[in-house]
Amino acid sequence: MTELKTYEGGCHCGKVRYSVKLDLSQPMVSCNCSMCGKTGTLLGFVPVEDFKLLSGEKDLTDYQFNKKVIHHLFCSTCGVRSFGKGTGPDGKQMAAINVRCIDGVDLEQIKVMKFDGKSF
């Protein structure tokens, strides 16, 4: 049963804000790649159609590494990486939401799926 709901979230200083339709009853991804491991992100992936940037487009800085297929976007003021964008395995454009940056989420209730990003 899908529990798709609309949430809002953003960076620490509030310049970057977004809304996202996401099913938080599904497991979120804890990746151990060099980026996620150092920043402690917990990711939920959605089609870009389910993501809307509300504010802060001019405040985002884009960082890419390795194969340069994921846009790791972070607030240029506070440095928080609340979301990123890239292409999913099926070729569709995706948004990667840092669930830790969604307003009012009880992280203790989130199911976590580990992903070995170090091996890619």
N, C-alpha and C. Protein backbone atom coordinates (compact mmCIF):
# COMPACT_ATOMS: atom_id res chain seq x y z
N MET A 1 0.83 -1.18 0.00
CA MET A 1 0.00 0.00 0.00
C MET A 1 0.88 1.25 0.00
N THR A 2 0.67 2.11 -0.97
CA THR A 2 1.47 3.32 -1.09
C THR A 2 0.91 4.42 -0.20
N GLU A 3 1.80 5.08 0.51
CA GLU A 3 1.43 6.19 1.38
C GLU A 3 2.11 7.46 0.89
N LEU A 4 1.87 7.82 -0.36
CA LEU A 4 2.47 9.01 -0.96
C LEU A 4 1.86 10.25 -0.34
N LYS A 5 2.71 11.06 0.28
CA LYS A 5 2.27 12.30 0.92
C LYS A 5 3.18 13.43 0.48
N THR A 6 2.70 14.64 0.62
CA THR A 6 3.51 15.82 0.29
C THR A 6 4.14 16.37 1.56
N TYR A 7 5.44 16.58 1.49
CA TYR A 7 6.22 17.12 2.61
C TYR A 7 6.95 18.36 2.14
N GLU A 8 7.38 19.16 3.11
CA GLU A 8 8.27 20.28 2.81
C GLU A 8 9.56 20.09 3.58
N GLY A 9 10.61 20.65 3.03
CA GLY A 9 11.91 20.55 3.68
C GLY A 9 12.84 21.59 3.12
N GLY A 10 14.09 21.53 3.58
CA GLY A 10 15.07 22.48 3.08
C GLY A 10 16.34 22.46 3.89
N CYS A 11 17.13 23.48 3.67
CA CYS A 11 18.44 23.58 4.31
C CYS A 11 18.32 24.16 5.72
N HIS A 12 19.44 24.31 6.38
CA HIS A 12 19.47 24.80 7.76
C HIS A 12 19.09 26.26 7.88
N CYS A 13 19.59 27.11 6.99
CA CYS A 13 19.32 28.55 7.09
C CYS A 13 17.97 28.95 6.51
N GLY A 14 17.33 28.06 5.77
CA GLY A 14 16.00 28.33 5.23
C GLY A 14 15.95 28.95 3.84
N LYS A 15 17.10 29.23 3.25
CA LYS A 15 17.08 29.80 1.90
C LYS A 15 16.59 28.80 0.87
N VAL A 16 16.97 27.54 1.01
CA VAL A 16 16.55 26.48 0.08
C VAL A 16 15.36 25.76 0.70
N ARG A 17 14.23 25.80 0.01
CA ARG A 17 13.01 25.14 0.47
C ARG A 17 12.41 24.37 -0.70
N TYR A 18 11.80 23.24 -0.42
CA TYR A 18 11.18 22.43 -1.46
C TYR A 18 9.96 21.72 -0.92
N SER A 19 9.13 21.23 -1.83
CA SER A 19 8.06 20.29 -1.48
C SER A 19 8.31 19.02 -2.29
N VAL A 20 7.92 17.90 -1.71
CA VAL A 20 8.17 16.62 -2.35
C VAL A 20 7.05 15.64 -2.01
N LYS A 21 6.64 14.87 -2.98
CA LYS A 21 5.71 13.77 -2.76
C LYS A 21 6.54 12.52 -2.56
N LEU A 22 6.40 11.89 -1.40
CA LEU A 22 7.27 10.78 -1.02
C LEU A 22 6.51 9.80 -0.14
N ASP A 23 6.83 8.54 -0.27
CA ASP A 23 6.24 7.50 0.56
C ASP A 23 7.25 7.11 1.64
N LEU A 24 7.09 7.70 2.82
CA LEU A 24 8.05 7.44 3.91
C LEU A 24 7.81 6.10 4.60
N SER A 25 6.78 5.36 4.17
CA SER A 25 6.60 4.01 4.73
C SER A 25 7.53 3.00 4.05
N GLN A 26 8.11 3.40 2.93
CA GLN A 26 9.07 2.56 2.22
C GLN A 26 10.47 2.80 2.80
N PRO A 27 11.37 1.82 2.70
CA PRO A 27 12.73 2.02 3.22
C PRO A 27 13.47 3.15 2.48
N MET A 28 14.17 3.97 3.25
CA MET A 28 15.02 5.02 2.70
C MET A 28 16.44 4.46 2.63
N VAL A 29 17.26 5.05 1.79
CA VAL A 29 18.57 4.50 1.47
C VAL A 29 19.68 5.16 2.31
N SER A 30 20.44 4.31 2.98
CA SER A 30 21.64 4.73 3.68
C SER A 30 22.83 4.20 2.86
N CYS A 31 23.49 5.12 2.18
CA CYS A 31 24.58 4.76 1.28
C CYS A 31 25.93 5.00 1.96
N ASN A 32 26.91 4.15 1.67
CA ASN A 32 28.23 4.30 2.29
C ASN A 32 29.28 4.85 1.32
N CYS A 33 28.83 5.47 0.21
CA CYS A 33 29.80 6.06 -0.72
C CYS A 33 30.55 7.20 -0.02
N SER A 34 31.59 7.69 -0.63
CA SER A 34 32.41 8.71 0.02
C SER A 34 31.61 9.98 0.34
N MET A 35 30.66 10.36 -0.49
CA MET A 35 29.87 11.57 -0.24
C MET A 35 28.84 11.33 0.87
N CYS A 36 28.01 10.32 0.71
CA CYS A 36 26.95 10.06 1.70
C CYS A 36 27.53 9.68 3.06
N GLY A 37 28.62 8.93 3.05
CA GLY A 37 29.26 8.54 4.30
C GLY A 37 29.76 9.73 5.10
N LYS A 38 30.28 10.72 4.41
CA LYS A 38 30.81 11.90 5.10
C LYS A 38 29.72 12.90 5.50
N THR A 39 28.60 12.90 4.77
CA THR A 39 27.55 13.88 5.07
C THR A 39 26.38 13.29 5.84
N GLY A 40 26.32 11.97 5.98
CA GLY A 40 25.29 11.33 6.78
C GLY A 40 23.89 11.43 6.22
N THR A 41 23.76 11.42 4.90
CA THR A 41 22.45 11.54 4.30
C THR A 41 21.65 10.25 4.42
N LEU A 42 20.34 10.40 4.40
CA LEU A 42 19.40 9.30 4.35
C LEU A 42 18.46 9.65 3.21
N LEU A 43 18.51 8.86 2.13
CA LEU A 43 17.92 9.28 0.86
C LEU A 43 16.62 8.58 0.51
N GLY A 44 15.71 9.39 -0.02
CA GLY A 44 14.49 8.91 -0.65
C GLY A 44 14.50 9.40 -2.08
N PHE A 45 14.22 8.53 -3.02
CA PHE A 45 14.29 8.88 -4.44
C PHE A 45 12.89 9.04 -5.02
N VAL A 46 12.69 10.12 -5.78
CA VAL A 46 11.39 10.40 -6.40
C VAL A 46 11.61 10.89 -7.82
N PRO A 47 10.62 10.68 -8.69
CA PRO A 47 10.70 11.28 -10.03
C PRO A 47 10.72 12.81 -9.88
N VAL A 48 11.41 13.51 -10.77
CA VAL A 48 11.49 14.97 -10.66
C VAL A 48 10.12 15.63 -10.68
N GLU A 49 9.13 14.97 -11.26
CA GLU A 49 7.77 15.53 -11.29
C GLU A 49 7.17 15.63 -9.89
N ASP A 50 7.69 14.83 -8.94
CA ASP A 50 7.18 14.84 -7.57
C ASP A 50 7.99 15.76 -6.66
N PHE A 51 8.89 16.55 -7.23
CA PHE A 51 9.74 17.47 -6.49
C PHE A 51 9.54 18.88 -7.02
N LYS A 52 9.41 19.84 -6.11
CA LYS A 52 9.28 21.24 -6.53
C LYS A 52 10.15 22.11 -5.64
N LEU A 53 11.09 22.82 -6.26
CA LEU A 53 11.92 23.76 -5.53
C LEU A 53 11.10 25.02 -5.29
N LEU A 54 10.89 25.38 -4.04
CA LEU A 54 10.07 26.53 -3.69
C LEU A 54 10.88 27.81 -3.60
N SER A 55 12.12 27.70 -3.13
CA SER A 55 12.99 28.88 -3.03
C SER A 55 14.44 28.43 -2.97
N GLY A 56 15.33 29.35 -3.34
CA GLY A 56 16.75 29.11 -3.18
C GLY A 56 17.51 28.66 -4.41
N GLU A 57 16.88 28.70 -5.57
CA GLU A 57 17.59 28.23 -6.77
C GLU A 57 18.92 28.94 -6.96
N LYS A 58 18.95 30.25 -6.72
CA LYS A 58 20.19 31.01 -6.90
C LYS A 58 21.19 30.77 -5.76
N ASP A 59 20.73 30.13 -4.69
CA ASP A 59 21.59 29.87 -3.54
C ASP A 59 22.22 28.48 -3.56
N LEU A 60 21.94 27.70 -4.61
CA LEU A 60 22.46 26.33 -4.70
C LEU A 60 23.82 26.27 -5.40
N THR A 61 24.68 25.43 -4.88
CA THR A 61 25.96 25.14 -5.52
C THR A 61 25.94 23.66 -5.91
N ASP A 62 26.43 23.37 -7.09
CA ASP A 62 26.42 22.02 -7.64
C ASP A 62 27.82 21.41 -7.51
N TYR A 63 27.87 20.22 -6.93
CA TYR A 63 29.13 19.49 -6.83
C TYR A 63 28.94 18.13 -7.48
N GLN A 64 29.87 17.77 -8.36
CA GLN A 64 29.85 16.46 -9.00
C GLN A 64 31.23 15.82 -8.84
N PHE A 65 31.23 14.50 -8.74
CA PHE A 65 32.50 13.78 -8.65
C PHE A 65 32.35 12.43 -9.32
N ASN A 66 33.43 11.68 -9.38
CA ASN A 66 33.46 10.34 -9.97
C ASN A 66 32.93 10.38 -11.40
N LYS A 67 31.80 9.76 -11.66
CA LYS A 67 31.25 9.69 -13.03
C LYS A 67 30.48 10.95 -13.42
N LYS A 68 30.31 11.87 -12.47
CA LYS A 68 29.64 13.15 -12.69
C LYS A 68 28.23 13.00 -13.25
N VAL A 69 27.48 12.05 -12.72
CA VAL A 69 26.10 11.86 -13.16
C VAL A 69 25.08 12.33 -12.12
N ILE A 70 25.54 12.57 -10.90
CA ILE A 70 24.66 13.06 -9.84
C ILE A 70 25.05 14.49 -9.52
N HIS A 71 24.04 15.35 -9.43
CA HIS A 71 24.26 16.74 -9.03
C HIS A 71 23.99 16.83 -7.53
N HIS A 72 25.07 16.93 -6.77
CA HIS A 72 24.97 17.07 -5.32
C HIS A 72 24.80 18.56 -5.05
N LEU A 73 23.58 18.97 -4.78
CA LEU A 73 23.26 20.39 -4.64
C LEU A 73 23.24 20.77 -3.16
N PHE A 74 23.93 21.86 -2.84
CA PHE A 74 23.94 22.29 -1.45
C PHE A 74 23.79 23.79 -1.36
N CYS A 75 23.28 24.25 -0.22
CA CYS A 75 23.07 25.68 0.01
C CYS A 75 24.42 26.35 0.14
N SER A 76 24.63 27.41 -0.64
CA SER A 76 25.92 28.11 -0.60
C SER A 76 26.08 28.96 0.66
N THR A 77 25.02 29.12 1.44
CA THR A 77 25.12 29.87 2.69
C THR A 77 25.43 28.96 3.87
N CYS A 78 24.60 27.94 4.11
CA CYS A 78 24.80 27.08 5.29
C CYS A 78 25.49 25.76 4.98
N GLY A 79 25.58 25.38 3.69
CA GLY A 79 26.30 24.18 3.30
C GLY A 79 25.52 22.88 3.37
N VAL A 80 24.24 22.94 3.74
CA VAL A 80 23.44 21.72 3.87
C VAL A 80 23.02 21.20 2.50
N ARG A 81 23.16 19.89 2.33
CA ARG A 81 22.78 19.20 1.09
C ARG A 81 21.44 18.53 1.33
N SER A 82 20.35 19.26 1.07
CA SER A 82 19.02 18.75 1.37
C SER A 82 18.43 17.91 0.24
N PHE A 83 18.98 18.02 -0.96
CA PHE A 83 18.53 17.21 -2.09
C PHE A 83 19.59 17.22 -3.18
N GLY A 84 19.43 16.32 -4.13
CA GLY A 84 20.28 16.26 -5.30
C GLY A 84 19.45 15.81 -6.48
N LYS A 85 20.04 15.82 -7.65
CA LYS A 85 19.33 15.38 -8.84
C LYS A 85 20.24 14.52 -9.70
N GLY A 86 19.62 13.61 -10.45
CA GLY A 86 20.39 12.74 -11.31
C GLY A 86 19.48 11.86 -12.14
N THR A 87 20.08 10.87 -12.75
CA THR A 87 19.33 9.94 -13.59
C THR A 87 19.28 8.58 -12.91
N GLY A 88 18.07 8.02 -12.82
CA GLY A 88 17.88 6.72 -12.21
C GLY A 88 18.35 5.61 -13.13
N PRO A 89 18.42 4.38 -12.63
CA PRO A 89 18.86 3.23 -13.43
C PRO A 89 18.01 3.01 -14.69
N ASP A 90 16.75 3.48 -14.64
CA ASP A 90 15.85 3.31 -15.79
C ASP A 90 15.96 4.46 -16.79
N GLY A 91 16.87 5.41 -16.54
CA GLY A 91 17.08 6.53 -17.45
C GLY A 91 16.21 7.75 -17.16
N LYS A 92 15.32 7.66 -16.18
CA LYS A 92 14.44 8.78 -15.85
C LYS A 92 15.12 9.73 -14.88
N GLN A 93 14.79 11.01 -15.00
CA GLN A 93 15.33 12.02 -14.09
C GLN A 93 14.73 11.84 -12.71
N MET A 94 15.59 11.88 -11.69
CA MET A 94 15.18 11.65 -10.31
C MET A 94 15.68 12.77 -9.41
N ALA A 95 14.99 12.94 -8.29
CA ALA A 95 15.47 13.80 -7.22
C ALA A 95 15.79 12.88 -6.03
N ALA A 96 16.91 13.13 -5.41
CA ALA A 96 17.33 12.38 -4.23
C ALA A 96 17.14 13.30 -3.03
N ILE A 97 16.19 12.97 -2.18
CA ILE A 97 15.83 13.81 -1.05
C ILE A 97 16.53 13.33 0.21
N ASN A 98 17.21 14.24 0.88
CA ASN A 98 17.80 13.91 2.18
C ASN A 98 16.67 13.97 3.20
N VAL A 99 16.18 12.80 3.60
CA VAL A 99 15.02 12.70 4.49
C VAL A 99 15.28 13.42 5.81
N ARG A 100 16.54 13.54 6.20
CA ARG A 100 16.88 14.26 7.43
C ARG A 100 16.54 15.74 7.34
N CYS A 101 16.31 16.24 6.13
CA CYS A 101 16.02 17.66 5.92
C CYS A 101 14.53 17.94 5.70
N ILE A 102 13.69 16.92 5.82
CA ILE A 102 12.25 17.12 5.70
C ILE A 102 11.70 17.55 7.06
N ASP A 103 10.86 18.56 7.06
CA ASP A 103 10.30 19.10 8.29
C ASP A 103 9.48 18.06 9.04
N GLY A 104 9.71 17.94 10.34
CA GLY A 104 8.87 17.17 11.23
C GLY A 104 8.90 15.66 11.09
N VAL A 105 9.89 15.11 10.40
CA VAL A 105 9.95 13.65 10.23
C VAL A 105 10.56 13.01 11.48
N ASP A 106 9.90 11.97 11.97
CA ASP A 106 10.42 11.19 13.09
C ASP A 106 11.36 10.13 12.51
N LEU A 107 12.64 10.39 12.55
CA LEU A 107 13.62 9.49 11.93
C LEU A 107 13.63 8.11 12.57
N GLU A 108 13.18 7.99 13.80
CA GLU A 108 13.11 6.69 14.47
C GLU A 108 12.08 5.77 13.79
N GLN A 109 11.13 6.35 13.07
CA GLN A 109 10.08 5.58 12.39
C GLN A 109 10.46 5.18 10.97
N ILE A 110 11.58 5.68 10.46
CA ILE A 110 11.99 5.43 9.08
C ILE A 110 12.69 4.08 8.98
N LYS A 111 12.24 3.28 8.01
CA LYS A 111 12.92 2.03 7.71
C LYS A 111 14.13 2.36 6.83
N VAL A 112 15.22 1.67 7.07
CA VAL A 112 16.47 1.98 6.37
C VAL A 112 16.95 0.76 5.59
N MET A 113 17.34 1.02 4.33
CA MET A 113 17.94 0.00 3.49
C MET A 113 19.38 0.43 3.20
N LYS A 114 20.33 -0.40 3.54
CA LYS A 114 21.74 -0.08 3.31
C LYS A 114 22.09 -0.35 1.85
N PHE A 115 22.89 0.57 1.28
CA PHE A 115 23.35 0.43 -0.10
C PHE A 115 24.87 0.58 -0.13
N ASP A 116 25.55 -0.35 -0.78
CA ASP A 116 27.02 -0.34 -0.84
C ASP A 116 27.49 0.52 -2.01
N GLY A 117 27.45 1.84 -1.83
CA GLY A 117 27.90 2.76 -2.86
C GLY A 117 29.41 2.80 -3.03
N LYS A 118 30.16 2.35 -2.02
CA LYS A 118 31.62 2.30 -2.11
C LYS A 118 32.07 1.39 -3.24
N SER A 119 31.27 0.39 -3.53
CA SER A 119 31.66 -0.60 -4.54
C SER A 119 31.36 -0.16 -5.97
N PHE A 120 30.75 1.00 -6.15
CA PHE A 120 30.43 1.46 -7.51
C PHE A 120 31.41 2.46 -8.03
